Amino acid sequence: MTLKEIIENNPDVSFLTADGFDKAVIGYEPSSNRLVYDRTKMIDILVKRDKMDYDEAIEYLEYNTFGAYVGEETPIYIEA
């Protein structure tokens, strides 16, 4: 399921997104309305788009994204 499909199917829900990683969305958790991201896809996006090496991408995401708490709508990041 894409981010676009999730938003279209849930017009009354305001989802919190991780900027620049729409293609890494793999679903959402319906009881909390939190988006679910594939961590590996996010790493791949940074490697391809930003020309980071694999370890740099992991370090960047762990520091700036995976460990961030931005409220109850904080997305879920999983290994898929």
N, C-alpha and C. Protein backbone atom coordinates (compact mmCIF):
# COMPACT_ATOMS: atom_id res chain seq x y z
N MET A 1 0.85 -1.17 0.00
CA MET A 1 0.00 0.00 0.00
C MET A 1 0.89 1.24 0.00
N THR A 2 0.62 2.16 -0.89
CA THR A 2 1.42 3.38 -0.98
C THR A 2 0.89 4.46 -0.06
N LEU A 3 1.70 5.47 0.18
CA LEU A 3 1.27 6.59 1.01
C LEU A 3 0.04 7.24 0.41
N LYS A 4 0.02 7.41 -0.90
CA LYS A 4 -1.12 8.03 -1.57
C LYS A 4 -2.39 7.23 -1.32
N GLU A 5 -2.31 5.91 -1.43
CA GLU A 5 -3.48 5.06 -1.19
C GLU A 5 -3.95 5.15 0.26
N ILE A 6 -3.01 5.18 1.19
CA ILE A 6 -3.37 5.28 2.60
C ILE A 6 -4.11 6.58 2.87
N ILE A 7 -3.61 7.68 2.34
CA ILE A 7 -4.24 8.98 2.55
C ILE A 7 -5.61 9.03 1.90
N GLU A 8 -5.72 8.50 0.68
CA GLU A 8 -7.02 8.49 -0.02
C GLU A 8 -8.05 7.65 0.71
N ASN A 9 -7.62 6.54 1.31
CA ASN A 9 -8.54 5.65 2.02
C ASN A 9 -8.87 6.11 3.43
N ASN A 10 -8.15 7.11 3.92
CA ASN A 10 -8.35 7.62 5.29
C ASN A 10 -8.39 9.15 5.25
N PRO A 11 -9.38 9.73 4.58
CA PRO A 11 -9.40 11.19 4.38
C PRO A 11 -9.53 12.00 5.66
N ASP A 12 -10.01 11.41 6.71
CA ASP A 12 -10.20 12.15 7.97
C ASP A 12 -9.00 12.06 8.91
N VAL A 13 -7.94 11.38 8.47
CA VAL A 13 -6.78 11.17 9.32
C VAL A 13 -5.62 12.04 8.82
N SER A 14 -4.93 12.66 9.76
CA SER A 14 -3.75 13.45 9.44
C SER A 14 -2.53 12.64 9.86
N PHE A 15 -1.81 12.10 8.89
CA PHE A 15 -0.65 11.27 9.17
C PHE A 15 0.62 12.11 9.26
N LEU A 16 1.49 11.75 10.18
CA LEU A 16 2.81 12.37 10.29
C LEU A 16 3.75 11.58 9.40
N THR A 17 4.44 12.29 8.50
CA THR A 17 5.32 11.61 7.54
C THR A 17 6.79 11.93 7.81
N ALA A 18 7.64 11.05 7.33
CA ALA A 18 9.08 11.29 7.34
C ALA A 18 9.42 11.90 5.97
N ASP A 19 9.78 13.16 5.96
CA ASP A 19 10.01 13.89 4.71
C ASP A 19 11.03 13.20 3.82
N GLY A 20 10.65 13.04 2.56
CA GLY A 20 11.56 12.48 1.57
C GLY A 20 11.55 10.96 1.48
N PHE A 21 10.69 10.32 2.26
CA PHE A 21 10.70 8.86 2.29
C PHE A 21 9.35 8.25 1.96
N ASP A 22 8.56 8.94 1.15
CA ASP A 22 7.22 8.44 0.80
C ASP A 22 7.26 7.04 0.19
N LYS A 23 8.28 6.75 -0.59
CA LYS A 23 8.37 5.44 -1.26
C LYS A 23 8.73 4.32 -0.29
N ALA A 24 9.08 4.64 0.94
CA ALA A 24 9.41 3.63 1.94
C ALA A 24 8.21 3.27 2.81
N VAL A 25 7.07 3.93 2.61
CA VAL A 25 5.87 3.61 3.37
C VAL A 25 5.34 2.26 2.89
N ILE A 26 5.07 1.36 3.84
CA ILE A 26 4.55 0.04 3.49
C ILE A 26 3.17 -0.22 4.09
N GLY A 27 2.67 0.71 4.87
CA GLY A 27 1.36 0.53 5.47
C GLY A 27 1.15 1.50 6.61
N TYR A 28 0.13 1.20 7.40
CA TYR A 28 -0.13 2.00 8.59
C TYR A 28 -0.75 1.13 9.66
N GLU A 29 -0.63 1.58 10.89
CA GLU A 29 -1.19 0.87 12.03
C GLU A 29 -2.53 1.53 12.34
N PRO A 30 -3.65 0.84 12.06
CA PRO A 30 -4.95 1.49 12.11
C PRO A 30 -5.45 1.92 13.49
N SER A 31 -5.02 1.27 14.55
CA SER A 31 -5.54 1.67 15.86
C SER A 31 -4.90 2.97 16.36
N SER A 32 -3.70 3.29 15.87
CA SER A 32 -3.05 4.54 16.28
C SER A 32 -2.86 5.51 15.11
N ASN A 33 -3.25 5.07 13.90
CA ASN A 33 -3.09 5.89 12.69
C ASN A 33 -1.66 6.36 12.50
N ARG A 34 -0.73 5.45 12.70
CA ARG A 34 0.69 5.75 12.49
C ARG A 34 1.16 5.05 11.23
N LEU A 35 1.89 5.79 10.40
CA LEU A 35 2.45 5.20 9.20
C LEU A 35 3.55 4.22 9.56
N VAL A 36 3.72 3.21 8.72
CA VAL A 36 4.77 2.21 8.91
C VAL A 36 5.73 2.32 7.73
N TYR A 37 7.01 2.48 8.06
CA TYR A 37 8.07 2.60 7.06
C TYR A 37 8.98 1.40 7.11
N ASP A 38 9.47 1.00 5.95
CA ASP A 38 10.46 -0.07 5.83
C ASP A 38 11.84 0.58 5.97
N ARG A 39 12.55 0.21 7.02
CA ARG A 39 13.87 0.80 7.30
C ARG A 39 14.86 0.57 6.16
N THR A 40 14.84 -0.62 5.58
CA THR A 40 15.76 -0.93 4.50
C THR A 40 15.50 -0.05 3.28
N LYS A 41 14.24 0.19 2.97
CA LYS A 41 13.91 1.07 1.85
C LYS A 41 14.39 2.50 2.12
N MET A 42 14.29 2.92 3.37
CA MET A 42 14.76 4.27 3.72
C MET A 42 16.27 4.37 3.54
N ILE A 43 16.99 3.35 3.96
CA ILE A 43 18.44 3.34 3.78
C ILE A 43 18.77 3.38 2.29
N ASP A 44 18.08 2.57 1.50
CA ASP A 44 18.32 2.54 0.06
C ASP A 44 18.06 3.91 -0.59
N ILE A 45 17.04 4.60 -0.13
CA ILE A 45 16.75 5.94 -0.65
C ILE A 45 17.93 6.87 -0.41
N LEU A 46 18.48 6.87 0.80
CA LEU A 46 19.62 7.74 1.10
C LEU A 46 20.85 7.35 0.29
N VAL A 47 21.07 6.06 0.10
CA VAL A 47 22.22 5.61 -0.67
C VAL A 47 22.10 6.08 -2.12
N LYS A 48 20.93 5.93 -2.70
CA LYS A 48 20.74 6.30 -4.11
C LYS A 48 20.58 7.80 -4.29
N ARG A 49 19.69 8.40 -3.53
CA ARG A 49 19.37 9.82 -3.72
C ARG A 49 20.47 10.75 -3.24
N ASP A 50 21.01 10.47 -2.05
CA ASP A 50 21.98 11.38 -1.44
C ASP A 50 23.42 10.90 -1.56
N LYS A 51 23.60 9.78 -2.26
CA LYS A 51 24.94 9.24 -2.50
C LYS A 51 25.71 8.92 -1.22
N MET A 52 24.98 8.53 -0.17
CA MET A 52 25.62 8.11 1.08
C MET A 52 26.06 6.66 0.92
N ASP A 53 27.09 6.28 1.67
CA ASP A 53 27.36 4.85 1.69
C ASP A 53 26.42 4.22 2.73
N TYR A 54 26.36 2.91 2.72
CA TYR A 54 25.40 2.19 3.55
C TYR A 54 25.50 2.55 5.03
N ASP A 55 26.71 2.57 5.57
CA ASP A 55 26.91 2.87 6.98
C ASP A 55 26.52 4.31 7.32
N GLU A 56 26.84 5.24 6.43
CA GLU A 56 26.45 6.64 6.64
C GLU A 56 24.93 6.77 6.69
N ALA A 57 24.26 6.07 5.81
CA ALA A 57 22.80 6.14 5.76
C ALA A 57 22.18 5.60 7.04
N ILE A 58 22.69 4.48 7.53
CA ILE A 58 22.19 3.91 8.78
C ILE A 58 22.43 4.88 9.93
N GLU A 59 23.63 5.40 10.03
CA GLU A 59 23.96 6.33 11.11
C GLU A 59 23.06 7.56 11.06
N TYR A 60 22.88 8.12 9.88
CA TYR A 60 22.04 9.30 9.72
C TYR A 60 20.61 9.01 10.19
N LEU A 61 20.04 7.91 9.72
CA LEU A 61 18.66 7.59 10.07
C LEU A 61 18.51 7.24 11.54
N GLU A 62 19.45 6.52 12.11
CA GLU A 62 19.35 6.19 13.54
C GLU A 62 19.39 7.45 14.39
N TYR A 63 20.22 8.39 14.02
CA TYR A 63 20.36 9.61 14.81
C TYR A 63 19.20 10.58 14.58
N ASN A 64 18.80 10.75 13.33
CA ASN A 64 17.83 11.79 12.99
C ASN A 64 16.39 11.34 12.86
N THR A 65 16.17 10.04 12.66
CA THR A 65 14.82 9.60 12.34
C THR A 65 14.32 8.48 13.23
N PHE A 66 15.02 7.34 13.22
CA PHE A 66 14.53 6.17 13.93
C PHE A 66 14.36 6.41 15.43
N GLY A 67 15.22 7.18 16.03
CA GLY A 67 15.16 7.42 17.46
C GLY A 67 14.35 8.64 17.87
N ALA A 68 13.82 9.36 16.89
CA ALA A 68 13.09 10.60 17.19
C ALA A 68 11.67 10.28 17.63
N TYR A 69 11.24 10.96 18.66
CA TYR A 69 9.84 10.86 19.10
C TYR A 69 9.23 12.23 18.90
N VAL A 70 8.20 12.29 18.07
CA VAL A 70 7.56 13.57 17.77
C VAL A 70 6.07 13.54 18.09
N GLY A 71 5.74 12.80 19.12
CA GLY A 71 4.36 12.73 19.57
C GLY A 71 3.72 11.38 19.27
N GLU A 72 2.46 11.29 19.59
CA GLU A 72 1.73 10.03 19.43
C GLU A 72 1.64 9.55 17.99
N GLU A 73 1.79 10.45 17.04
CA GLU A 73 1.71 10.09 15.63
C GLU A 73 3.08 9.71 15.04
N THR A 74 4.10 9.61 15.86
CA THR A 74 5.43 9.24 15.37
C THR A 74 5.33 7.96 14.54
N PRO A 75 5.85 7.99 13.32
CA PRO A 75 5.79 6.79 12.49
C PRO A 75 6.51 5.60 13.12
N ILE A 76 6.18 4.44 12.61
CA ILE A 76 6.79 3.19 13.05
C ILE A 76 7.80 2.77 11.96
N TYR A 77 8.99 2.39 12.38
CA TYR A 77 10.04 1.99 11.44
C TYR A 77 10.39 0.55 11.70
N ILE A 78 10.19 -0.31 10.67
CA ILE A 78 10.41 -1.75 10.87
C ILE A 78 11.38 -2.31 9.83
N GLU A 79 11.95 -3.47 10.16
CA GLU A 79 12.71 -4.25 9.21
C GLU A 79 11.71 -5.18 8.55
N ALA A 80 11.55 -5.04 7.25
CA ALA A 80 10.56 -5.87 6.55
C ALA A 80 11.23 -6.92 5.68
